[in-house]
Amino acid sequence: QLLGFLFLFGFFVQGKEKCKDPVKPSVPSGPVVTDKSGSVTIAIRAKPGSKQNAITDVTSEAVGVAIAAPPSEGEANAELCRYLSKVLEVKKSEVVLDKGGKSREKVVKILVSMTPDEVLEKLKKEATS
């Protein structure tokens, strides 16, 4: 009897969980978002070793950036931040690598007051030029 009760209780609990609303809370999606601290972050897919710096594409997951520096000793990371500061028209010190120092998938943080829409607009403008 106890086993039957536990089985039914487990089934009931699982059923309750399934009834929860599957809609996730509205978390901003896309490559450019505002983090918990209020800073704008950009998900980057880096392509080091390119002939020239360029925004190659802007997808729902990340911004593709070709970087004219080799992926060694942080050269590409420094060049990425320098290039993004130029594109976004902010100081070099206001663009910092937040995550992905040794990965092609990176997160860059903008330390100046901008909205995600402003950042995305400038990135898309650069991608089409």
N, C-alpha and C. Protein backbone atom coordinates (compact mmCIF):
# COMPACT_ATOMS: atom_id res chain seq x y z
N GLN A 1 0.81 -1.20 0.00
CA GLN A 1 0.00 0.00 0.00
C GLN A 1 0.86 1.27 0.00
N LEU A 2 1.90 1.26 0.82
CA LEU A 2 2.78 2.42 0.88
C LEU A 2 3.43 2.66 -0.47
N LEU A 3 3.85 1.58 -1.11
CA LEU A 3 4.47 1.70 -2.43
C LEU A 3 3.49 2.31 -3.42
N GLY A 4 2.25 1.85 -3.37
CA GLY A 4 1.22 2.39 -4.25
C GLY A 4 1.00 3.87 -4.01
N PHE A 5 0.99 4.26 -2.73
CA PHE A 5 0.81 5.66 -2.38
C PHE A 5 1.97 6.51 -2.92
N LEU A 6 3.20 6.02 -2.71
CA LEU A 6 4.36 6.76 -3.20
C LEU A 6 4.32 6.89 -4.71
N PHE A 7 3.92 5.81 -5.38
CA PHE A 7 3.82 5.84 -6.84
C PHE A 7 2.81 6.90 -7.27
N LEU A 8 1.63 6.87 -6.64
CA LEU A 8 0.59 7.85 -6.98
C LEU A 8 1.05 9.27 -6.64
N PHE A 9 1.71 9.43 -5.47
CA PHE A 9 2.19 10.74 -5.08
C PHE A 9 3.20 11.26 -6.10
N GLY A 10 4.13 10.39 -6.50
CA GLY A 10 5.13 10.76 -7.50
C GLY A 10 4.47 11.14 -8.81
N PHE A 11 3.47 10.38 -9.21
CA PHE A 11 2.75 10.66 -10.46
C PHE A 11 2.03 12.01 -10.35
N PHE A 12 1.43 12.25 -9.18
CA PHE A 12 0.71 13.50 -8.96
C PHE A 12 1.67 14.70 -9.03
N VAL A 13 2.83 14.57 -8.39
CA VAL A 13 3.81 15.65 -8.38
C VAL A 13 4.29 15.92 -9.80
N GLN A 14 4.59 14.84 -10.55
CA GLN A 14 5.02 15.02 -11.93
C GLN A 14 3.93 15.70 -12.75
N GLY A 15 2.70 15.29 -12.52
CA GLY A 15 1.58 15.90 -13.24
C GLY A 15 1.48 17.39 -12.97
N LYS A 16 1.70 17.77 -11.71
CA LYS A 16 1.65 19.19 -11.33
C LYS A 16 2.72 19.98 -12.09
N GLU A 17 3.92 19.40 -12.17
CA GLU A 17 5.01 20.09 -12.86
C GLU A 17 4.68 20.29 -14.33
N LYS A 18 4.02 19.31 -14.92
CA LYS A 18 3.68 19.42 -16.34
C LYS A 18 2.63 20.49 -16.58
N CYS A 19 1.84 20.78 -15.56
CA CYS A 19 0.77 21.76 -15.72
C CYS A 19 1.29 23.19 -15.68
N LYS A 20 2.51 23.36 -15.19
CA LYS A 20 3.05 24.72 -15.12
C LYS A 20 3.10 25.32 -16.51
N ASP A 21 2.93 26.61 -16.57
CA ASP A 21 2.94 27.32 -17.84
C ASP A 21 4.31 27.15 -18.51
N PRO A 22 4.36 26.56 -19.70
CA PRO A 22 5.66 26.33 -20.34
C PRO A 22 6.30 27.60 -20.91
N VAL A 23 5.57 28.70 -20.90
CA VAL A 23 6.11 29.94 -21.42
C VAL A 23 7.14 30.48 -20.44
N LYS A 24 8.34 30.70 -20.94
CA LYS A 24 9.42 31.21 -20.09
C LYS A 24 9.22 32.71 -19.89
N PRO A 25 9.76 33.24 -18.78
CA PRO A 25 9.65 34.69 -18.59
C PRO A 25 10.35 35.41 -19.74
N SER A 26 9.88 36.60 -20.03
CA SER A 26 10.40 37.31 -21.20
C SER A 26 11.82 37.81 -20.94
N VAL A 27 12.77 36.98 -21.30
CA VAL A 27 14.18 37.35 -21.20
C VAL A 27 14.56 37.90 -22.57
N PRO A 28 15.22 39.04 -22.61
CA PRO A 28 15.58 39.58 -23.92
C PRO A 28 16.45 38.59 -24.68
N SER A 29 16.14 38.39 -25.94
CA SER A 29 16.93 37.45 -26.72
C SER A 29 17.63 38.19 -27.83
N GLY A 30 18.58 37.52 -28.44
CA GLY A 30 19.36 38.14 -29.50
C GLY A 30 20.79 38.31 -29.06
N PRO A 31 21.63 38.76 -29.96
CA PRO A 31 23.06 38.87 -29.63
C PRO A 31 23.41 40.06 -28.73
N VAL A 32 22.53 41.05 -28.66
CA VAL A 32 22.82 42.25 -27.86
C VAL A 32 21.75 42.38 -26.78
N VAL A 33 22.17 42.27 -25.52
CA VAL A 33 21.22 42.34 -24.40
C VAL A 33 21.81 43.18 -23.27
N THR A 34 20.97 43.48 -22.29
CA THR A 34 21.43 44.17 -21.09
C THR A 34 21.58 43.12 -20.00
N ASP A 35 22.73 43.09 -19.31
CA ASP A 35 22.94 42.11 -18.25
C ASP A 35 22.37 42.62 -16.93
N LYS A 36 22.55 41.81 -15.87
CA LYS A 36 21.98 42.15 -14.56
C LYS A 36 22.50 43.47 -14.00
N SER A 37 23.74 43.81 -14.34
CA SER A 37 24.32 45.05 -13.83
C SER A 37 23.91 46.27 -14.64
N GLY A 38 23.16 46.05 -15.73
CA GLY A 38 22.71 47.17 -16.55
C GLY A 38 23.61 47.48 -17.74
N SER A 39 24.71 46.73 -17.86
CA SER A 39 25.61 46.94 -19.00
C SER A 39 25.10 46.20 -20.22
N VAL A 40 25.38 46.74 -21.38
CA VAL A 40 25.00 46.07 -22.63
C VAL A 40 26.09 45.05 -22.95
N THR A 41 25.66 43.82 -23.28
CA THR A 41 26.62 42.78 -23.68
C THR A 41 26.31 42.33 -25.10
N ILE A 42 27.36 41.94 -25.81
CA ILE A 42 27.23 41.47 -27.19
C ILE A 42 27.81 40.07 -27.29
N ALA A 43 27.02 39.13 -27.80
CA ALA A 43 27.54 37.78 -28.07
C ALA A 43 28.26 37.85 -29.41
N ILE A 44 29.52 37.44 -29.40
CA ILE A 44 30.38 37.54 -30.58
C ILE A 44 30.80 36.16 -31.05
N ARG A 45 30.80 35.95 -32.36
CA ARG A 45 31.43 34.77 -32.95
C ARG A 45 32.65 35.29 -33.70
N ALA A 46 33.82 35.13 -33.08
CA ALA A 46 35.05 35.71 -33.61
C ALA A 46 35.63 34.86 -34.73
N LYS A 47 36.18 35.55 -35.72
CA LYS A 47 36.85 34.90 -36.85
C LYS A 47 38.22 35.54 -37.01
N PRO A 48 39.18 35.11 -36.14
CA PRO A 48 40.51 35.73 -36.18
C PRO A 48 41.30 35.33 -37.41
N GLY A 49 42.35 36.09 -37.69
CA GLY A 49 43.22 35.78 -38.82
C GLY A 49 42.67 36.23 -40.16
N SER A 50 41.69 37.10 -40.16
CA SER A 50 41.10 37.60 -41.40
C SER A 50 41.99 38.69 -42.00
N LYS A 51 41.73 39.03 -43.26
CA LYS A 51 42.52 40.07 -43.92
C LYS A 51 42.21 41.45 -43.37
N GLN A 52 40.94 41.66 -43.00
CA GLN A 52 40.57 42.97 -42.44
C GLN A 52 39.46 42.79 -41.42
N ASN A 53 39.31 43.79 -40.56
CA ASN A 53 38.24 43.78 -39.56
C ASN A 53 36.91 44.03 -40.25
N ALA A 54 35.89 43.27 -39.86
CA ALA A 54 34.56 43.47 -40.45
C ALA A 54 33.50 42.77 -39.61
N ILE A 55 32.30 43.35 -39.60
CA ILE A 55 31.13 42.67 -39.05
C ILE A 55 30.62 41.81 -40.21
N THR A 56 30.71 40.49 -40.08
CA THR A 56 30.34 39.62 -41.20
C THR A 56 28.85 39.30 -41.23
N ASP A 57 28.25 39.14 -40.05
CA ASP A 57 26.81 38.85 -40.00
C ASP A 57 26.28 39.14 -38.61
N VAL A 58 24.97 39.38 -38.56
CA VAL A 58 24.28 39.59 -37.29
C VAL A 58 23.11 38.61 -37.28
N THR A 59 23.23 37.55 -36.45
CA THR A 59 22.18 36.54 -36.36
C THR A 59 21.46 36.69 -35.02
N SER A 60 20.49 35.82 -34.78
CA SER A 60 19.77 35.87 -33.51
C SER A 60 20.63 35.36 -32.35
N GLU A 61 21.72 34.61 -32.68
CA GLU A 61 22.58 34.07 -31.62
C GLU A 61 23.80 34.94 -31.34
N ALA A 62 24.42 35.45 -32.40
CA ALA A 62 25.69 36.16 -32.21
C ALA A 62 25.98 37.11 -33.36
N VAL A 63 26.93 37.98 -33.12
CA VAL A 63 27.43 38.89 -34.16
C VAL A 63 28.75 38.31 -34.65
N GLY A 64 28.83 38.02 -35.95
CA GLY A 64 30.06 37.50 -36.53
C GLY A 64 31.02 38.64 -36.79
N VAL A 65 32.25 38.51 -36.27
CA VAL A 65 33.25 39.56 -36.45
C VAL A 65 34.54 38.95 -36.97
N ALA A 66 34.95 39.38 -38.17
CA ALA A 66 36.25 38.99 -38.72
C ALA A 66 37.29 39.92 -38.10
N ILE A 67 38.39 39.33 -37.62
CA ILE A 67 39.41 40.11 -36.92
C ILE A 67 40.75 39.95 -37.63
N ALA A 68 41.36 41.09 -37.96
CA ALA A 68 42.64 41.09 -38.66
C ALA A 68 43.80 40.98 -37.68
N ALA A 69 43.78 39.92 -36.88
CA ALA A 69 44.87 39.65 -35.93
C ALA A 69 44.87 38.15 -35.66
N PRO A 70 46.04 37.58 -35.40
CA PRO A 70 46.10 36.13 -35.14
C PRO A 70 45.52 35.79 -33.76
N PRO A 71 44.97 34.57 -33.63
CA PRO A 71 44.38 34.17 -32.35
C PRO A 71 45.44 33.69 -31.36
N SER A 72 46.44 34.53 -31.10
CA SER A 72 47.49 34.12 -30.16
C SER A 72 47.84 35.28 -29.24
N GLU A 73 48.15 34.92 -27.99
CA GLU A 73 48.56 35.88 -26.97
C GLU A 73 47.60 37.06 -26.82
N GLY A 74 46.33 36.81 -27.03
CA GLY A 74 45.31 37.84 -26.83
C GLY A 74 45.28 38.93 -27.89
N GLU A 75 46.03 38.75 -28.97
CA GLU A 75 46.07 39.79 -30.01
C GLU A 75 44.69 39.99 -30.64
N ALA A 76 44.02 38.89 -30.96
CA ALA A 76 42.70 39.00 -31.60
C ALA A 76 41.69 39.62 -30.64
N ASN A 77 41.78 39.28 -29.35
CA ASN A 77 40.86 39.86 -28.37
C ASN A 77 41.04 41.37 -28.26
N ALA A 78 42.28 41.81 -28.23
CA ALA A 78 42.57 43.25 -28.14
C ALA A 78 42.08 43.96 -29.41
N GLU A 79 42.32 43.33 -30.55
CA GLU A 79 41.89 43.93 -31.82
C GLU A 79 40.36 43.97 -31.91
N LEU A 80 39.70 42.92 -31.40
CA LEU A 80 38.23 42.87 -31.39
C LEU A 80 37.68 44.05 -30.59
N CYS A 81 38.20 44.27 -29.40
CA CYS A 81 37.72 45.38 -28.56
C CYS A 81 38.01 46.73 -29.21
N ARG A 82 39.20 46.86 -29.82
CA ARG A 82 39.56 48.11 -30.49
C ARG A 82 38.60 48.38 -31.66
N TYR A 83 38.35 47.34 -32.46
CA TYR A 83 37.47 47.49 -33.62
C TYR A 83 36.03 47.82 -33.19
N LEU A 84 35.52 47.10 -32.19
CA LEU A 84 34.15 47.37 -31.73
C LEU A 84 34.03 48.78 -31.15
N SER A 85 35.07 49.26 -30.49
CA SER A 85 35.01 50.63 -29.94
C SER A 85 34.89 51.64 -31.08
N LYS A 86 35.57 51.36 -32.20
CA LYS A 86 35.49 52.24 -33.36
C LYS A 86 34.08 52.20 -33.97
N VAL A 87 33.54 50.98 -34.14
CA VAL A 87 32.21 50.81 -34.73
C VAL A 87 31.13 51.47 -33.86
N LEU A 88 31.25 51.29 -32.54
CA LEU A 88 30.23 51.80 -31.62
C LEU A 88 30.49 53.25 -31.21
N GLU A 89 31.62 53.81 -31.67
CA GLU A 89 31.98 55.19 -31.38
C GLU A 89 32.09 55.45 -29.88
N VAL A 90 32.82 54.56 -29.19
CA VAL A 90 33.09 54.72 -27.76
C VAL A 90 34.60 54.56 -27.55
N LYS A 91 35.07 54.90 -26.35
CA LYS A 91 36.50 54.75 -26.04
C LYS A 91 36.87 53.27 -25.98
N LYS A 92 38.13 52.98 -26.29
CA LYS A 92 38.62 51.59 -26.23
C LYS A 92 38.45 51.00 -24.84
N SER A 93 38.63 51.82 -23.82
CA SER A 93 38.53 51.33 -22.44
C SER A 93 37.09 50.99 -22.04
N GLU A 94 36.12 51.40 -22.85
CA GLU A 94 34.71 51.14 -22.54
C GLU A 94 34.18 49.87 -23.20
N VAL A 95 35.05 49.15 -23.90
CA VAL A 95 34.68 47.87 -24.51
C VAL A 95 35.61 46.82 -23.92
N VAL A 96 35.05 45.90 -23.12
CA VAL A 96 35.88 44.89 -22.46
C VAL A 96 35.38 43.49 -22.77
N LEU A 97 36.32 42.56 -22.84
CA LEU A 97 35.98 41.16 -23.05
C LEU A 97 35.48 40.60 -21.73
N ASP A 98 34.25 40.11 -21.71
CA ASP A 98 33.63 39.61 -20.49
C ASP A 98 33.83 38.10 -20.35
N LYS A 99 33.66 37.37 -21.45
CA LYS A 99 33.80 35.90 -21.44
C LYS A 99 34.40 35.45 -22.76
N GLY A 100 35.05 34.29 -22.72
CA GLY A 100 35.53 33.67 -23.96
C GLY A 100 36.91 34.10 -24.39
N GLY A 101 37.81 34.34 -23.44
CA GLY A 101 39.16 34.76 -23.78
C GLY A 101 39.90 33.81 -24.71
N LYS A 102 39.62 32.50 -24.59
CA LYS A 102 40.31 31.52 -25.43
C LYS A 102 39.34 30.77 -26.34
N SER A 103 38.19 31.35 -26.57
CA SER A 103 37.16 30.71 -27.38
C SER A 103 36.76 31.62 -28.53
N ARG A 104 36.17 31.04 -29.55
CA ARG A 104 35.66 31.88 -30.65
C ARG A 104 34.32 32.50 -30.26
N GLU A 105 33.63 31.85 -29.33
CA GLU A 105 32.36 32.38 -28.82
C GLU A 105 32.69 33.29 -27.65
N LYS A 106 32.45 34.57 -27.80
CA LYS A 106 32.84 35.54 -26.78
C LYS A 106 31.66 36.40 -26.35
N VAL A 107 31.80 37.04 -25.21
CA VAL A 107 30.83 38.04 -24.77
C VAL A 107 31.62 39.30 -24.46
N VAL A 108 31.23 40.39 -25.11
CA VAL A 108 31.89 41.68 -24.91
C VAL A 108 30.91 42.59 -24.18
N LYS A 109 31.43 43.32 -23.20
CA LYS A 109 30.59 44.22 -22.40
C LYS A 109 30.93 45.66 -22.77
N ILE A 110 29.87 46.46 -22.91
CA ILE A 110 30.02 47.89 -23.20
C ILE A 110 29.79 48.65 -21.89
N LEU A 111 30.79 49.40 -21.45
CA LEU A 111 30.73 50.07 -20.14
C LEU A 111 30.21 51.50 -20.20
N VAL A 112 29.55 51.85 -21.29
CA VAL A 112 29.04 53.20 -21.45
C VAL A 112 27.52 53.11 -21.60
N SER A 113 26.83 54.18 -21.30
CA SER A 113 25.37 54.17 -21.34
C SER A 113 24.85 54.14 -22.79
N MET A 114 24.45 52.95 -23.22
CA MET A 114 23.84 52.76 -24.55
C MET A 114 22.74 51.72 -24.39
N THR A 115 21.77 51.76 -25.28
CA THR A 115 20.73 50.74 -25.24
C THR A 115 21.12 49.62 -26.20
N PRO A 116 20.60 48.40 -25.96
CA PRO A 116 20.87 47.30 -26.89
C PRO A 116 20.47 47.65 -28.33
N ASP A 117 19.38 48.40 -28.49
CA ASP A 117 18.92 48.78 -29.83
C ASP A 117 19.93 49.69 -30.53
N GLU A 118 20.50 50.64 -29.78
CA GLU A 118 21.51 51.53 -30.36
C GLU A 118 22.73 50.74 -30.82
N VAL A 119 23.17 49.81 -29.98
CA VAL A 119 24.34 48.98 -30.31
C VAL A 119 24.06 48.14 -31.54
N LEU A 120 22.91 47.48 -31.54
CA LEU A 120 22.54 46.61 -32.66
C LEU A 120 22.44 47.40 -33.96
N GLU A 121 21.89 48.60 -33.88
CA GLU A 121 21.76 49.44 -35.08
C GLU A 121 23.13 49.78 -35.67
N LYS A 122 24.09 50.13 -34.80
CA LYS A 122 25.44 50.46 -35.28
C LYS A 122 26.14 49.24 -35.85
N LEU A 123 25.94 48.08 -35.22
CA LEU A 123 26.56 46.85 -35.73
C LEU A 123 26.00 46.47 -37.10
N LYS A 124 24.68 46.59 -37.23
CA LYS A 124 24.04 46.25 -38.52
C LYS A 124 24.47 47.24 -39.61
N LYS A 125 24.59 48.51 -39.24
CA LYS A 125 25.02 49.53 -40.19
C LYS A 125 26.43 49.21 -40.70
N GLU A 126 27.31 48.81 -39.80
CA GLU A 126 28.68 48.45 -40.17
C GLU A 126 28.70 47.18 -41.03
N ALA A 127 27.79 46.25 -40.74
CA ALA A 127 27.74 44.99 -41.50
C ALA A 127 27.34 45.22 -42.95
N THR A 128 26.51 46.24 -43.18
CA THR A 128 26.04 46.50 -44.55
C THR A 128 26.96 47.46 -45.32
N SER A 129 27.91 48.08 -44.62
CA SER A 129 28.78 49.05 -45.32
C SER A 129 30.00 48.38 -45.94
